[in-house]
Protein backbone atom coordinates (compact mmCIF):
# COMPACT_ATOMS: atom_id res chain seq x y z
CA MET A 1 16.47 6.80 10.51
CA LYS A 2 18.80 3.77 11.78
CA ARG A 3 17.86 0.72 10.03
CA GLY A 4 17.39 -0.90 13.02
CA THR A 5 15.24 0.79 14.90
CA GLY A 6 12.97 0.90 11.80
CA LEU A 7 12.90 -2.40 11.54
CA ALA A 8 12.62 -2.46 15.42
CA GLY A 9 9.60 -0.40 14.79
CA LEU A 10 7.63 -1.93 12.67
CA ILE A 11 7.77 -5.30 14.26
CA ALA A 12 6.18 -3.48 17.21
CA LEU A 13 3.28 -2.45 14.51
CA VAL A 14 1.48 -5.89 15.52
CA SER A 15 -1.80 -6.04 15.55
CA LEU A 16 -2.60 -5.12 12.11
CA ALA A 17 -4.94 -7.09 11.13
CA GLY A 18 -8.68 -6.00 10.56
CA CYS A 19 -6.95 -2.10 10.96
CA LEU A 20 -5.90 -2.27 6.89
CA GLN A 21 -8.25 0.01 5.59
CA ALA A 22 -8.23 0.58 1.66
CA PRO A 23 -8.28 4.58 0.72
CA SER A 24 -11.50 6.71 1.01
CA GLY A 25 -13.10 7.47 -1.83
CA ALA A 26 -11.22 4.66 -4.43
CA ASP A 27 -13.37 2.00 -5.61
CA THR A 28 -12.45 -0.43 -2.60
CA PRO A 29 -12.65 -3.79 -2.34
CA ASP A 30 -15.76 -5.83 -0.97
CA GLU A 31 -15.10 -6.81 3.09
CA ALA A 32 -14.41 -10.08 1.92
CA ASP A 33 -11.54 -8.75 -0.15
CA ALA A 34 -9.28 -7.18 3.58
CA PRO A 35 -7.17 -8.48 5.57
CA ALA A 36 -8.47 -11.63 7.77
CA THR A 37 -7.55 -11.74 11.61
CA GLY A 38 -4.19 -12.86 12.28
CA GLY A 39 -2.86 -12.01 8.89
CA PHE A 40 0.38 -9.42 8.86
CA PHE A 41 2.97 -8.70 11.18
CA ALA A 42 1.23 -10.04 13.81
CA THR A 43 1.03 -13.81 12.68
CA LEU A 44 5.04 -12.96 12.09
CA PHE A 45 6.24 -11.73 15.32
CA PRO A 46 3.88 -13.38 17.92
CA THR A 47 3.70 -11.85 21.38
CA GLY A 48 3.27 -15.41 22.92
CA ALA A 49 5.94 -18.13 23.73
CA ALA A 50 5.31 -20.13 21.19
CA ALA A 51 7.12 -20.13 18.05
CA ALA A 52 5.76 -18.01 14.82
CA PRO A 53 3.68 -20.91 12.39
CA GLU A 54 5.49 -21.45 9.59
CA ARG A 55 4.58 -18.45 6.95
CA PRO A 56 3.45 -18.80 3.36
CA THR A 57 6.27 -17.13 1.04
CA PRO A 58 6.11 -13.45 0.12
CA LEU A 59 5.02 -12.72 -3.81
CA ALA A 60 6.96 -11.30 -5.92
CA GLN A 61 4.18 -10.39 -7.87
CA THR A 62 0.44 -11.06 -8.53
CA GLU A 63 -2.63 -10.20 -10.57
CA MET A 64 -5.55 -8.55 -9.75
CA ALA A 65 -8.80 -7.44 -11.80
CA ARG A 66 -8.76 -10.53 -14.02
CA GLY A 67 -5.00 -9.76 -14.60
CA GLU A 68 -5.81 -6.52 -16.01
CA VAL A 69 -3.35 -5.02 -12.81
CA VAL A 70 -0.16 -6.52 -11.54
CA VAL A 71 0.32 -5.70 -8.15
CA ALA A 72 4.64 -5.12 -7.08
CA GLY A 73 6.68 -3.41 -5.25
CA PRO A 74 10.51 -2.04 -5.76
CA GLU A 75 13.14 -3.96 -5.28
CA GLY A 76 13.44 -5.80 -1.56
CA TYR A 77 9.62 -5.51 -0.83
CA CYS A 78 7.23 -8.14 -1.88
CA VAL A 79 3.18 -8.63 -1.63
CA ASP A 80 2.13 -10.07 1.70
CA PRO A 81 -0.35 -13.36 0.52
CA VAL A 82 -2.23 -13.89 4.09
CA THR A 83 -3.69 -10.08 3.44
CA LEU A 84 -4.33 -10.74 -0.06
CA GLY A 85 -7.69 -10.43 -1.08
CA SER A 86 -9.34 -10.30 -4.86
CA ARG A 87 -12.04 -10.71 -6.40
CA PRO A 88 -13.46 -10.64 -10.46
CA GLY A 89 -12.71 -7.47 -11.26
CA ARG A 90 -10.98 -6.01 -8.24
CA GLY A 91 -8.43 -6.79 -5.15
CA PHE A 92 -6.53 -5.41 -1.92
CA ALA A 93 -2.65 -5.96 -1.42
CA VAL A 94 -0.31 -5.15 1.09
CA ILE A 95 3.33 -4.57 0.20
CA ALA A 96 6.11 -4.49 3.21
CA SER A 97 9.63 -5.57 3.65
CA CYS A 98 10.44 -9.05 1.55
CA HIS A 99 12.60 -9.48 4.76
CA ILE A 100 9.97 -8.95 7.05
CA LEU A 101 7.64 -10.55 5.60
CA SER A 102 9.12 -13.82 5.41
CA GLY A 103 10.35 -13.49 8.55
CA GLY A 104 14.20 -12.72 7.71
CA LYS A 105 14.15 -15.87 5.45
CA THR A 106 14.35 -13.87 2.06
CA GLY A 107 15.45 -10.78 1.02
CA ASN A 108 17.69 -7.54 1.83
CA PHE A 109 17.25 -5.30 4.39
CA VAL A 110 14.76 -2.38 3.24
CA GLU A 111 13.71 0.79 4.59
CA PRO A 112 10.90 -0.36 6.93
CA MET A 113 7.01 0.75 5.63
CA MET A 114 3.68 -0.92 5.42
CA MET A 115 1.54 0.36 1.87
CA THR A 116 -1.19 -1.05 0.75
CA VAL A 117 -2.80 -0.78 -2.60
CA THR A 118 -6.54 -0.96 -3.28
CA VAL A 119 -7.81 -1.93 -7.41
CA GLY A 120 -11.16 -0.16 -8.13
CA PRO A 121 -13.74 -2.17 -11.21
CA ARG A 122 -13.18 -1.28 -14.03
CA GLN A 123 -15.10 1.83 -15.55
CA GLN A 124 -15.59 3.30 -18.55
CA THR A 125 -14.55 7.22 -16.90
CA VAL A 126 -12.75 7.03 -14.04
CA VAL A 127 -11.01 10.25 -12.95
CA PRO A 128 -8.53 9.97 -10.31
CA PRO A 129 -9.32 12.54 -6.71
CA ALA A 130 -6.57 15.76 -6.98
CA PRO A 131 -4.34 15.88 -3.59
CA SER A 132 -7.07 18.19 -2.00
CA VAL A 133 -9.33 15.47 -2.46
CA LEU A 134 -7.77 12.77 -1.01
CA ALA A 135 -6.82 14.61 2.40
CA VAL A 136 -10.94 15.96 2.79
CA GLN A 137 -11.24 12.33 1.89
CA ALA A 138 -9.16 11.21 4.88
CA GLY A 139 -10.31 14.13 7.13
CA GLN A 140 -6.50 15.29 7.65
CA GLU A 141 -4.24 17.78 6.85
CA LEU A 142 -2.63 18.12 3.39
CA VAL A 143 0.27 18.64 4.06
CA GLY A 144 1.90 18.42 0.42
CA GLY A 145 0.89 17.28 -2.20
CA GLU A 146 1.65 16.67 -6.99
CA VAL A 147 -0.03 15.29 -9.75
CA ARG A 148 3.15 13.57 -11.74
CA ASP A 149 2.96 10.95 -14.87
CA GLY A 150 -0.52 10.02 -13.67
CA LEU A 151 -0.62 9.30 -10.24
CA VAL A 152 -1.74 11.96 -7.83
CA MET A 153 0.32 12.35 -4.37
CA ALA A 154 -1.12 13.19 -0.88
CA GLN A 155 0.68 13.69 2.02
CA LEU A 156 -1.46 14.21 5.25
CA GLY A 157 -0.21 15.79 8.55
CA GLY A 158 -1.88 13.21 10.91
CA GLY A 159 -3.48 9.93 10.42
CA GLY A 160 -0.50 7.37 10.09
CA THR A 161 -1.21 6.18 13.71
CA ASP A 162 -4.55 5.19 12.79
CA VAL A 163 -3.28 2.10 11.36
CA LEU A 164 0.38 1.91 13.22
CA ASP A 165 0.08 2.26 16.57
CA ASP A 166 3.70 3.33 17.09
CA GLY A 167 4.10 4.78 13.03
CA ASP A 168 4.20 7.99 12.18
CA PRO A 169 1.70 10.46 12.33
CA ARG A 170 2.04 11.40 9.19
CA TYR A 171 1.31 9.04 5.70
CA TRP A 172 1.02 9.66 2.80
CA ARG A 173 -1.98 8.78 0.38
CA GLY A 174 -1.89 7.92 -3.95
CA ALA A 175 -4.50 7.79 -6.89
CA PHE A 176 -4.07 7.05 -10.28
CA VAL A 177 -5.97 4.72 -13.40
CA GLN A 178 -4.94 1.75 -14.87
CA ASN A 179 -6.66 -0.29 -17.75
CA GLY A 180 -9.64 1.72 -16.21
CA HIS A 181 -9.40 0.57 -12.73
CA LEU A 182 -8.78 3.26 -10.17
CA ILE A 183 -5.76 2.11 -8.03
CA GLY A 184 -5.67 3.36 -4.44
CA LEU A 185 -2.13 3.46 -2.13
CA ALA A 186 -1.91 4.44 1.27
CA LEU A 187 1.90 4.77 2.90
CA TYR A 188 2.58 3.83 6.91
CA ALA A 189 5.39 4.39 7.94
CA PRO A 190 7.38 3.80 11.35
CA GLN A 191 7.72 6.86 13.02
CA GLY A 192 10.58 9.29 12.15
CA SER A 193 10.82 7.36 8.71
CA PHE A 194 11.95 9.81 5.92
CA LEU A 195 9.25 7.49 4.12
CA ALA A 196 6.71 9.72 6.48
CA GLY A 197 8.41 13.31 5.13
CA PRO A 198 9.20 13.90 1.33
CA ASP A 199 10.50 11.22 0.29
CA GLY A 200 7.16 9.12 0.28
CA ALA A 201 6.73 10.61 -2.75
CA GLY A 202 9.39 8.42 -4.57
CA MET A 203 8.33 5.84 -2.95
CA LEU A 204 4.72 5.82 -4.15
CA ARG A 205 6.32 6.65 -7.67
CA ALA A 206 8.40 3.28 -7.76
CA VAL A 207 5.39 1.30 -7.42
CA GLN A 208 3.14 2.83 -9.18
CA GLN A 209 6.35 2.57 -12.56
CA ARG A 210 6.11 -0.96 -11.27
CA ILE A 211 2.84 -1.96 -11.48
CA VAL A 212 2.53 -0.46 -14.87
CA SER A 213 5.24 -2.00 -16.19
CA LEU A 214 4.08 -5.09 -15.03
CA SER A 215 0.64 -4.46 -16.65
CA PRO A 216 -0.98 -5.20 -20.03
CA ALA A 217 -0.89 -2.53 -21.57
CA ALA A 218 -4.18 -1.45 -23.15
CA ALA A 219 -5.10 0.47 -26.46
CA GLU A 220 -8.11 2.37 -25.42
CA ASP A 221 -6.19 3.57 -22.32
CA GLU A 222 -5.34 7.22 -22.22
CA GLU A 223 -4.03 9.25 -19.09
CA ALA A 224 -7.44 10.60 -17.11
CA PRO A 225 -7.65 14.00 -15.74
CA VAL A 226 -7.57 15.25 -12.08
CA GLU A 227 -10.56 16.38 -10.31
CA PRO A 228 -9.94 20.18 -10.23
């Protein structure tokens, strides 16, 4: 996919506010934590003639769950401050291109994509669902899945256009545990993007590794088993 085409495709995926949903099956934030109307790409590229309003600077990272989880994206990707939702012990964030989120003011061109990150409340015992369970929860066909380094990944055959109207029907879900919090990931990409295909697993791993490396370590944490 050409980079310019992908960028144009992602810009066309407006009206996301109110459509972004945390992955099913995870301990999700309350409705008040979900993105507010008018957020994300819809405010970056309005359809009217009026100029886009000044947006907050995209965040390199953000703390959630009282600092027990630090959310960040790989190089070139930032956290959108407009759709950010956080409450004690839980949170919701959207990761996307820094260049797009800033309206072209910062960041290099990277492959367009949108990833939601849902941080559930801390639990004494938490088990991430298996790929097949993620597919059942989403009500979609499981195209492929694996478990690696504590990260459960599931590529789904449909449902991507439920969030991105002109996106690829295929999308990815992931889940892992960090400091007792079940973290749900959902990766959406433009039509035909290699991130909607097998390479989406690498993006999920990259985000997981960033979260793990930035979040404080807890001595009592152990790698959680995965549900059969």
